[in-house]
């Protein structure tokens, strides 16, 4: 067996082990959600339940207002993702294609905000929202998520790769930057839009800390907070919790399935491999 063949077998073996390690928690979650509570932690674990039951899924919807949590998560994630993609694309286009004084300095200062931990900004952000009277509101959940230095960087990298001849031809026809952006550039940027969309949607969908701080009632709580409420102080019904967790990841799976073909394409265009 030659060296290259052994190297390929080793790589496949490593990837297979990695894939199994990644999928095992999901299989345990599915298995646990179908078991009764008395066999959840038996050793050795039974991956396939002898009498699979759907009682845990019924209990999830009876214990907490899952429909309300779903609506809040979908609404907040969809609105914040839409505006983040729009704002980051416009900012990225300005930093990449429009010449103005201090452009590079401003961009690198904006990029440096990536180094500021989220926990540092929570207190001033909460004070600002409270002063505006926005505590426990959708706008408080959405507004902080529509700005992203990473998203702007991603868009800028893509827009820098667009040939100048496209813009020059549009300028000759009398178009301005706004017209060029909305009528030409947006159509060229679909792969990177999809990439930023999935990143922004996942970040908003999984966000736990900010909704925990800014919301205090179930009316505006999102799914991560709703799932946390399934965890008791002294004991936890893991079957119900795993059923709720499995239900909560279904929308993300659909989003990923329908946009996955654009992700690698978008990252390749921006140079983030």
C-alpha atoms as a PDB file:
ATOM      1  CA  UNK A   1       0.000   0.000   0.000  1.00  0.00           C
ATOM      2  CA  UNK A   2       1.561   3.283  -1.054  1.00  0.00           C
ATOM      3  CA  UNK A   3       1.963   6.334   1.174  1.00  0.00           C
ATOM      4  CA  UNK A   4      -0.740   8.461  -0.463  1.00  0.00           C
ATOM      5  CA  UNK A   5      -3.308   5.669  -0.103  1.00  0.00           C
ATOM      6  CA  UNK A   6      -2.493   5.240   3.583  1.00  0.00           C
ATOM      7  CA  UNK A   7      -2.773   8.998   4.050  1.00  0.00           C
ATOM      8  CA  UNK A   8      -6.225   9.002   2.431  1.00  0.00           C
ATOM      9  CA  UNK A   9      -7.407   6.075   4.587  1.00  0.00           C
ATOM     10  CA  UNK A  10      -6.147   7.845   7.713  1.00  0.00           C
ATOM     11  CA  UNK A  11      -7.972  11.013   6.735  1.00  0.00           C
ATOM     12  CA  UNK A  12     -11.251   9.163   6.135  1.00  0.00           C
ATOM     13  CA  UNK A  13     -10.825   7.323   9.446  1.00  0.00           C
ATOM     14  CA  UNK A  14     -10.244  10.607  11.272  1.00  0.00           C
ATOM     15  CA  UNK A  15     -13.280  12.233   9.611  1.00  0.00           C
ATOM     16  CA  UNK A  16     -15.468   9.207  10.392  1.00  0.00           C
ATOM     17  CA  UNK A  17     -14.496   9.326  14.080  1.00  0.00           C
ATOM     18  CA  UNK A  18     -15.172  13.071  14.120  1.00  0.00           C
ATOM     19  CA  UNK A  19     -18.569  12.602  12.460  1.00  0.00           C
ATOM     20  CA  UNK A  20     -19.567   9.907  14.976  1.00  0.00           C
ATOM     21  CA  UNK A  21     -18.469  12.114  17.881  1.00  0.00           C
ATOM     22  CA  UNK A  22     -20.563  14.969  16.496  1.00  0.00           C
ATOM     23  CA  UNK A  23     -23.713  12.966  15.847  1.00  0.00           C
ATOM     24  CA  UNK A  24     -23.753  10.935  19.100  1.00  0.00           C
ATOM     25  CA  UNK A  25     -25.213  13.772  21.258  1.00  0.00           C
ATOM     26  CA  UNK A  26     -28.057  14.219  18.746  1.00  0.00           C
ATOM     27  CA  UNK A  27     -28.787  10.472  18.746  1.00  0.00           C
ATOM     28  CA  UNK A  28     -28.791  10.453  22.566  1.00  0.00           C
ATOM     29  CA  UNK A  29     -31.150  13.433  22.549  1.00  0.00           C
ATOM     30  CA  UNK A  30     -33.557  11.682  20.150  1.00  0.00           C
ATOM     31  CA  UNK A  31     -33.333   8.401  22.062  1.00  0.00           C
ATOM     32  CA  UNK A  32     -33.910  10.078  25.433  1.00  0.00           C
ATOM     33  CA  UNK A  33     -36.930  12.013  24.165  1.00  0.00           C
ATOM     34  CA  UNK A  34     -38.620   8.699  23.254  1.00  0.00           C
ATOM     35  CA  UNK A  35     -37.825   6.887  26.524  1.00  0.00           C
ATOM     36  CA  UNK A  36     -39.563   6.827  29.869  1.00  0.00           C
ATOM     37  CA  UNK A  37     -37.744   8.562  32.718  1.00  0.00           C
ATOM     38  CA  UNK A  38     -36.825   5.343  34.587  1.00  0.00           C
ATOM     39  CA  UNK A  39     -34.545   4.107  31.783  1.00  0.00           C
ATOM     40  CA  UNK A  40     -32.927   7.401  30.844  1.00  0.00           C
ATOM     41  CA  UNK A  41     -29.611   6.844  32.625  1.00  0.00           C
ATOM     42  CA  UNK A  42     -29.365   3.050  32.738  1.00  0.00           C
ATOM     43  CA  UNK A  43     -25.942   1.537  32.039  1.00  0.00           C
ATOM     44  CA  UNK A  44     -25.085   0.421  29.454  1.00  0.00           C
ATOM     45  CA  UNK A  45     -27.292   2.983  27.688  1.00  0.00           C
ATOM     46  CA  UNK A  46     -30.086   1.695  25.474  1.00  0.00           C
ATOM     47  CA  UNK A  47     -29.869   3.698  22.267  1.00  0.00           C
ATOM     48  CA  UNK A  48     -33.055   2.191  20.820  1.00  0.00           C
ATOM     49  CA  UNK A  49     -36.005   2.419  23.270  1.00  0.00           C
ATOM     50  CA  UNK A  50     -37.950  -0.810  23.743  1.00  0.00           C
ATOM     51  CA  UNK A  51     -41.291   1.038  23.890  1.00  0.00           C
ATOM     52  CA  UNK A  52     -40.836   4.421  22.213  1.00  0.00           C
ATOM     53  CA  UNK A  53     -43.281   7.038  23.506  1.00  0.00           C
ATOM     54  CA  UNK A  54     -44.208  10.532  22.393  1.00  0.00           C
ATOM     55  CA  UNK A  55     -45.428  11.603  25.838  1.00  0.00           C
ATOM     56  CA  UNK A  56     -42.420  13.876  26.344  1.00  0.00           C
ATOM     57  CA  UNK A  57     -43.337  15.907  23.255  1.00  0.00           C
ATOM     58  CA  UNK A  58     -46.894  16.319  24.504  1.00  0.00           C
ATOM     59  CA  UNK A  59     -45.637  17.391  27.943  1.00  0.00           C
ATOM     60  CA  UNK A  60     -43.375  20.048  26.402  1.00  0.00           C
ATOM     61  CA  UNK A  61     -46.341  21.858  24.881  1.00  0.00           C
ATOM     62  CA  UNK A  62     -48.399  21.401  28.052  1.00  0.00           C
ATOM     63  CA  UNK A  63     -45.678  22.609  30.442  1.00  0.00           C
ATOM     64  CA  UNK A  64     -44.596  25.819  28.698  1.00  0.00           C
ATOM     65  CA  UNK A  65     -46.106  28.006  25.925  1.00  0.00           C
ATOM     66  CA  UNK A  66     -43.903  26.574  23.169  1.00  0.00           C
ATOM     67  CA  UNK A  67     -46.012  28.157  20.436  1.00  0.00           C
ATOM     68  CA  UNK A  68     -45.361  31.597  21.892  1.00  0.00           C
ATOM     69  CA  UNK A  69     -41.633  30.883  22.263  1.00  0.00           C
ATOM     70  CA  UNK A  70     -41.487  29.645  18.675  1.00  0.00           C
ATOM     71  CA  UNK A  71     -43.212  32.746  17.362  1.00  0.00           C
ATOM     72  CA  UNK A  72     -40.895  35.039  19.357  1.00  0.00           C
ATOM     73  CA  UNK A  73     -37.752  33.240  18.173  1.00  0.00           C
ATOM     74  CA  UNK A  74     -38.819  33.164  14.526  1.00  0.00           C
ATOM     75  CA  UNK A  75     -39.967  36.791  14.565  1.00  0.00           C
ATOM     76  CA  UNK A  76     -36.852  38.127  16.321  1.00  0.00           C
ATOM     77  CA  UNK A  77     -34.441  35.990  14.271  1.00  0.00           C
ATOM     78  CA  UNK A  78     -36.105  36.815  10.930  1.00  0.00           C
ATOM     79  CA  UNK A  79     -36.316  40.591  11.478  1.00  0.00           C
ATOM     80  CA  UNK A  80     -32.828  40.976  12.978  1.00  0.00           C
ATOM     81  CA  UNK A  81     -31.309  38.784  10.240  1.00  0.00           C
ATOM     82  CA  UNK A  82     -32.997  40.758   7.463  1.00  0.00           C
ATOM     83  CA  UNK A  83     -31.764  44.091   8.784  1.00  0.00           C
ATOM     84  CA  UNK A  84     -28.303  42.736   9.584  1.00  0.00           C
ATOM     85  CA  UNK A  85     -27.857  41.475   6.025  1.00  0.00           C
ATOM     86  CA  UNK A  86     -29.145  44.777   4.614  1.00  0.00           C
ATOM     87  CA  UNK A  87     -27.029  47.033   6.851  1.00  0.00           C
ATOM     88  CA  UNK A  88     -23.873  44.918   6.600  1.00  0.00           C
ATOM     89  CA  UNK A  89     -24.158  44.734   2.811  1.00  0.00           C
ATOM     90  CA  UNK A  90     -24.547  48.506   2.483  1.00  0.00           C
ATOM     91  CA  UNK A  91     -21.685  49.146   4.913  1.00  0.00           C
ATOM     92  CA  UNK A  92     -19.499  46.537   3.215  1.00  0.00           C
ATOM     93  CA  UNK A  93     -20.202  48.082  -0.200  1.00  0.00           C
ATOM     94  CA  UNK A  94     -19.293  51.549   1.070  1.00  0.00           C
ATOM     95  CA  UNK A  95     -16.034  50.319   2.616  1.00  0.00           C
ATOM     96  CA  UNK A  96     -15.122  48.321  -0.497  1.00  0.00           C
ATOM     97  CA  UNK A  97     -16.159  50.511  -3.431  1.00  0.00           C
ATOM     98  CA  UNK A  98     -16.630  54.132  -2.335  1.00  0.00           C
ATOM     99  CA  UNK A  99     -13.593  56.342  -1.777  1.00  0.00           C
ATOM    100  CA  UNK A 100     -13.894  58.745   1.160  1.00  0.00           C
ATOM    101  CA  UNK A 101     -11.486  60.278   3.644  1.00  0.00           C
ATOM    102  CA  UNK A 102     -10.591  58.068   6.591  1.00  0.00           C
ATOM    103  CA  UNK A 103     -12.222  54.989   5.045  1.00  0.00           C
ATOM    104  CA  UNK A 104      -9.500  52.521   6.012  1.00  0.00           C
ATOM    105  CA  UNK A 105      -9.105  53.892   9.544  1.00  0.00           C
ATOM    106  CA  UNK A 106     -12.851  53.827  10.132  1.00  0.00           C
ATOM    107  CA  UNK A 107     -13.105  50.276   8.828  1.00  0.00           C
ATOM    108  CA  UNK A 108     -10.311  48.939  11.044  1.00  0.00           C
ATOM    109  CA  UNK A 109     -11.740  50.734  14.091  1.00  0.00           C
ATOM    110  CA  UNK A 110     -15.107  49.123  13.347  1.00  0.00           C
ATOM    111  CA  UNK A 111     -13.397  45.760  12.832  1.00  0.00           C
ATOM    112  CA  UNK A 112     -11.609  46.135  16.184  1.00  0.00           C
ATOM    113  CA  UNK A 113     -14.992  45.962  17.935  1.00  0.00           C
ATOM    114  CA  UNK A 114     -14.870  42.218  17.239  1.00  0.00           C
ATOM    115  CA  UNK A 115     -12.313  42.003  20.052  1.00  0.00           C
ATOM    116  CA  UNK A 116     -14.728  43.474  22.614  1.00  0.00           C
ATOM    117  CA  UNK A 117     -16.461  40.638  24.530  1.00  0.00           C
ATOM    118  CA  UNK A 118     -20.247  40.668  24.424  1.00  0.00           C
ATOM    119  CA  UNK A 119     -20.401  40.632  28.234  1.00  0.00           C
ATOM    120  CA  UNK A 120     -18.685  44.055  28.362  1.00  0.00           C
ATOM    121  CA  UNK A 121     -21.435  45.709  26.313  1.00  0.00           C
ATOM    122  CA  UNK A 122     -24.392  44.166  28.134  1.00  0.00           C
ATOM    123  CA  UNK A 123     -24.624  46.700  30.970  1.00  0.00           C
ATOM    124  CA  UNK A 124     -24.494  49.901  28.856  1.00  0.00           C
ATOM    125  CA  UNK A 125     -26.817  48.285  26.330  1.00  0.00           C
ATOM    126  CA  UNK A 126     -29.331  47.421  29.036  1.00  0.00           C
ATOM    127  CA  UNK A 127     -29.140  50.981  30.446  1.00  0.00           C
ATOM    128  CA  UNK A 128     -29.779  52.427  26.986  1.00  0.00           C
ATOM    129  CA  UNK A 129     -32.761  50.160  26.361  1.00  0.00           C
ATOM    130  CA  UNK A 130     -34.154  50.896  29.799  1.00  0.00           C
ATOM    131  CA  UNK A 131     -33.829  54.664  29.251  1.00  0.00           C
ATOM    132  CA  UNK A 132     -35.751  54.292  25.998  1.00  0.00           C
ATOM    133  CA  UNK A 133     -38.423  52.318  27.820  1.00  0.00           C
ATOM    134  CA  UNK A 134     -37.792  49.294  25.622  1.00  0.00           C
ATOM    135  CA  UNK A 135     -37.258  46.639  28.294  1.00  0.00           C
ATOM    136  CA  UNK A 136     -39.464  43.616  27.582  1.00  0.00           C
ATOM    137  CA  UNK A 137     -40.095  44.638  23.978  1.00  0.00           C
ATOM    138  CA  UNK A 138     -39.359  43.154  20.573  1.00  0.00           C
ATOM    139  CA  UNK A 139     -37.306  46.172  19.512  1.00  0.00           C
ATOM    140  CA  UNK A 140     -34.932  45.595  22.445  1.00  0.00           C
ATOM    141  CA  UNK A 141     -34.474  41.990  21.335  1.00  0.00           C
ATOM    142  CA  UNK A 142     -33.972  42.902  17.680  1.00  0.00           C
ATOM    143  CA  UNK A 143     -32.004  46.166  17.596  1.00  0.00           C
ATOM    144  CA  UNK A 144     -28.648  45.002  19.080  1.00  0.00           C
ATOM    145  CA  UNK A 145     -28.549  42.134  16.584  1.00  0.00           C
ATOM    146  CA  UNK A 146     -28.791  44.145  13.382  1.00  0.00           C
ATOM    147  CA  UNK A 147     -25.203  45.454  13.510  1.00  0.00           C
ATOM    148  CA  UNK A 148     -22.278  43.112  12.935  1.00  0.00           C
ATOM    149  CA  UNK A 149     -18.608  43.924  12.336  1.00  0.00           C
ATOM    150  CA  UNK A 150     -18.054  40.372  11.076  1.00  0.00           C
ATOM    151  CA  UNK A 151     -20.916  40.701   8.604  1.00  0.00           C
ATOM    152  CA  UNK A 152     -19.548  43.988   7.308  1.00  0.00           C
ATOM    153  CA  UNK A 153     -16.105  42.430   6.924  1.00  0.00           C
ATOM    154  CA  UNK A 154     -17.579  39.441   5.072  1.00  0.00           C
ATOM    155  CA  UNK A 155     -19.459  41.692   2.660  1.00  0.00           C
ATOM    156  CA  UNK A 156     -16.481  43.981   2.105  1.00  0.00           C
ATOM    157  CA  UNK A 157     -14.296  41.023   1.171  1.00  0.00           C
ATOM    158  CA  UNK A 158     -16.833  39.908  -1.432  1.00  0.00           C
ATOM    159  CA  UNK A 159     -17.460  43.356  -2.917  1.00  0.00           C
ATOM    160  CA  UNK A 160     -13.724  43.953  -3.336  1.00  0.00           C
ATOM    161  CA  UNK A 161     -13.634  41.045  -5.785  1.00  0.00           C
ATOM    162  CA  UNK A 162     -16.232  42.522  -8.153  1.00  0.00           C
ATOM    163  CA  UNK A 163     -14.592  43.848 -11.351  1.00  0.00           C
ATOM    164  CA  UNK A 164     -14.470  47.642 -11.692  1.00  0.00           C
ATOM    165  CA  UNK A 165     -15.717  47.402 -15.280  1.00  0.00           C
ATOM    166  CA  UNK A 166     -19.223  46.543 -14.045  1.00  0.00           C
ATOM    167  CA  UNK A 167     -19.475  49.758 -12.049  1.00  0.00           C
ATOM    168  CA  UNK A 168     -17.798  51.844 -14.757  1.00  0.00           C
ATOM    169  CA  UNK A 169     -20.344  50.670 -17.344  1.00  0.00           C
ATOM    170  CA  UNK A 170     -23.170  51.591 -14.953  1.00  0.00           C
ATOM    171  CA  UNK A 171     -21.652  55.021 -14.281  1.00  0.00           C
ATOM    172  CA  UNK A 172     -21.500  55.683 -18.042  1.00  0.00           C
ATOM    173  CA  UNK A 173     -25.221  54.871 -18.237  1.00  0.00           C
ATOM    174  CA  UNK A 174     -25.894  57.489 -15.574  1.00  0.00           C
ATOM    175  CA  UNK A 175     -26.355  55.243 -12.542  1.00  0.00           C
ATOM    176  CA  UNK A 176     -25.215  56.272  -9.063  1.00  0.00           C
ATOM    177  CA  UNK A 177     -23.914  54.205  -6.190  1.00  0.00           C
ATOM    178  CA  UNK A 178     -27.406  53.573  -4.795  1.00  0.00           C
ATOM    179  CA  UNK A 179     -28.758  52.399  -8.138  1.00  0.00           C
ATOM    180  CA  UNK A 180     -25.704  50.232  -8.764  1.00  0.00           C
ATOM    181  CA  UNK A 181     -26.001  48.647  -5.322  1.00  0.00           C
ATOM    182  CA  UNK A 182     -29.710  47.796  -5.474  1.00  0.00           C
ATOM    183  CA  UNK A 183     -29.936  46.899  -9.185  1.00  0.00           C
ATOM    184  CA  UNK A 184     -26.583  45.205  -9.859  1.00  0.00           C
ATOM    185  CA  UNK A 185     -24.502  44.400  -6.787  1.00  0.00           C
ATOM    186  CA  UNK A 186     -27.289  42.730  -4.814  1.00  0.00           C
ATOM    187  CA  UNK A 187     -27.891  40.242  -7.631  1.00  0.00           C
ATOM    188  CA  UNK A 188     -24.196  39.328  -7.722  1.00  0.00           C
ATOM    189  CA  UNK A 189     -23.977  38.843  -3.973  1.00  0.00           C
ATOM    190  CA  UNK A 190     -26.580  36.086  -3.457  1.00  0.00           C
ATOM    191  CA  UNK A 191     -24.054  33.455  -2.222  1.00  0.00           C
ATOM    192  CA  UNK A 192     -22.520  35.755   0.391  1.00  0.00           C
ATOM    193  CA  UNK A 193     -25.994  36.980   1.383  1.00  0.00           C
ATOM    194  CA  UNK A 194     -26.980  33.363   2.060  1.00  0.00           C
ATOM    195  CA  UNK A 195     -23.796  32.808   4.064  1.00  0.00           C
ATOM    196  CA  UNK A 196     -24.372  35.850   6.252  1.00  0.00           C
ATOM    197  CA  UNK A 197     -28.057  34.958   6.531  1.00  0.00           C
ATOM    198  CA  UNK A 198     -27.345  31.536   8.032  1.00  0.00           C
ATOM    199  CA  UNK A 199     -24.693  32.903  10.421  1.00  0.00           C
ATOM    200  CA  UNK A 200     -26.941  35.756  11.590  1.00  0.00           C
ATOM    201  CA  UNK A 201     -30.033  33.550  11.886  1.00  0.00           C
ATOM    202  CA  UNK A 202     -28.150  30.925  13.922  1.00  0.00           C
ATOM    203  CA  UNK A 203     -26.663  33.573  16.220  1.00  0.00           C
ATOM    204  CA  UNK A 204     -30.061  35.141  16.851  1.00  0.00           C
ATOM    205  CA  UNK A 205     -31.849  31.794  17.216  1.00  0.00           C
ATOM    206  CA  UNK A 206     -29.335  30.491  19.783  1.00  0.00           C
ATOM    207  CA  UNK A 207     -28.882  33.776  21.661  1.00  0.00           C
ATOM    208  CA  UNK A 208     -29.559  33.198  25.335  1.00  0.00           C
ATOM    209  CA  UNK A 209     -27.772  35.875  27.370  1.00  0.00           C
ATOM    210  CA  UNK A 210     -29.293  39.068  25.945  1.00  0.00           C
ATOM    211  CA  UNK A 211     -32.945  37.815  25.963  1.00  0.00           C
ATOM    212  CA  UNK A 212     -32.350  36.590  29.534  1.00  0.00           C
ATOM    213  CA  UNK A 213     -31.368  40.122  30.592  1.00  0.00           C
ATOM    214  CA  UNK A 214     -33.876  42.200  28.662  1.00  0.00           C
ATOM    215  CA  UNK A 215     -37.019  40.049  29.084  1.00  0.00           C
ATOM    216  CA  UNK A 216     -38.797  39.149  32.305  1.00  0.00           C
ATOM    217  CA  UNK A 217     -42.094  37.642  31.169  1.00  0.00           C
ATOM    218  CA  UNK A 218     -43.072  34.759  28.927  1.00  0.00           C
ATOM    219  CA  UNK A 219     -44.734  37.074  26.403  1.00  0.00           C
ATOM    220  CA  UNK A 220     -41.390  38.061  24.865  1.00  0.00           C
ATOM    221  CA  UNK A 221     -39.216  35.077  25.817  1.00  0.00           C
ATOM    222  CA  UNK A 222     -37.461  33.190  23.041  1.00  0.00           C
ATOM    223  CA  UNK A 223     -36.940  29.435  22.726  1.00  0.00           C
ATOM    224  CA  UNK A 224     -33.581  29.204  24.578  1.00  0.00           C
ATOM    225  CA  UNK A 225     -35.191  30.833  27.627  1.00  0.00           C
ATOM    226  CA  UNK A 226     -38.245  28.614  27.268  1.00  0.00           C
ATOM    227  CA  UNK A 227     -36.062  25.499  27.216  1.00  0.00           C
ATOM    228  CA  UNK A 228     -34.172  26.754  30.277  1.00  0.00           C
ATOM    229  CA  UNK A 229     -37.479  26.986  32.131  1.00  0.00           C
ATOM    230  CA  UNK A 230     -37.913  23.224  31.606  1.00  0.00           C
ATOM    231  CA  UNK A 231     -34.889  22.643  33.819  1.00  0.00           C
ATOM    232  CA  UNK A 232     -35.996  22.390  37.427  1.00  0.00           C
ATOM    233  CA  UNK A 233     -34.115  23.747  40.412  1.00  0.00           C
ATOM    234  CA  UNK A 234     -33.719  20.407  42.169  1.00  0.00           C
ATOM    235  CA  UNK A 235     -34.686  17.829  39.563  1.00  0.00           C
ATOM    236  CA  UNK A 236     -35.021  17.864  35.789  1.00  0.00           C
ATOM    237  CA  UNK A 237     -37.207  15.727  33.545  1.00  0.00           C
ATOM    238  CA  UNK A 238     -34.547  15.058  30.917  1.00  0.00           C
ATOM    239  CA  UNK A 239     -36.983  13.316  28.578  1.00  0.00           C
ATOM    240  CA  UNK A 240     -39.138  16.440  28.343  1.00  0.00           C
ATOM    241  CA  UNK A 241     -36.100  18.712  28.090  1.00  0.00           C
ATOM    242  CA  UNK A 242     -34.585  16.637  25.264  1.00  0.00           C
ATOM    243  CA  UNK A 243     -37.944  16.581  23.444  1.00  0.00           C
ATOM    244  CA  UNK A 244     -38.153  20.369  23.681  1.00  0.00           C
ATOM    245  CA  UNK A 245     -34.564  20.763  22.519  1.00  0.00           C
ATOM    246  CA  UNK A 246     -35.170  18.488  19.540  1.00  0.00           C
ATOM    247  CA  UNK A 247     -38.270  20.460  18.558  1.00  0.00           C
ATOM    248  CA  UNK A 248     -36.335  23.732  18.839  1.00  0.00           C
ATOM    249  CA  UNK A 249     -33.591  22.710  16.383  1.00  0.00           C
ATOM    250  CA  UNK A 250     -35.980  21.635  13.604  1.00  0.00           C
ATOM    251  CA  UNK A 251     -36.283  25.162  12.074  1.00  0.00           C
ATOM    252  CA  UNK A 252     -32.499  25.565  12.105  1.00  0.00           C
ATOM    253  CA  UNK A 253     -32.092  22.250  10.302  1.00  0.00           C
ATOM    254  CA  UNK A 254     -34.471  23.400   7.553  1.00  0.00           C
ATOM    255  CA  UNK A 255     -32.664  26.736   7.230  1.00  0.00           C
ATOM    256  CA  UNK A 256     -29.321  24.964   6.942  1.00  0.00           C
ATOM    257  CA  UNK A 257     -30.591  22.358   4.460  1.00  0.00           C
ATOM    258  CA  UNK A 258     -32.021  24.997   2.114  1.00  0.00           C
ATOM    259  CA  UNK A 259     -28.999  27.335   2.287  1.00  0.00           C
ATOM    260  CA  UNK A 260     -26.034  24.946   2.666  1.00  0.00           C
ATOM    261  CA  UNK A 261     -25.152  24.999  -1.035  1.00  0.00           C
ATOM    262  CA  UNK A 262     -24.599  28.753  -0.820  1.00  0.00           C
ATOM    263  CA  UNK A 263     -22.430  28.691   2.315  1.00  0.00           C
ATOM    264  CA  UNK A 264     -19.245  27.177   0.865  1.00  0.00           C
ATOM    265  CA  UNK A 265     -19.752  29.193  -2.324  1.00  0.00           C
ATOM    266  CA  UNK A 266     -20.067  32.416  -0.338  1.00  0.00           C
ATOM    267  CA  UNK A 267     -17.075  31.694   1.875  1.00  0.00           C
ATOM    268  CA  UNK A 268     -14.995  30.830  -1.188  1.00  0.00           C
ATOM    269  CA  UNK A 269     -15.861  34.154  -2.839  1.00  0.00           C
ATOM    270  CA  UNK A 270     -14.910  36.092   0.297  1.00  0.00           C
ATOM    271  CA  UNK A 271     -11.646  34.199   0.842  1.00  0.00           C
ATOM    272  CA  UNK A 272     -12.734  32.821   4.259  1.00  0.00           C
ATOM    273  CA  UNK A 273     -11.847  29.173   3.710  1.00  0.00           C
END
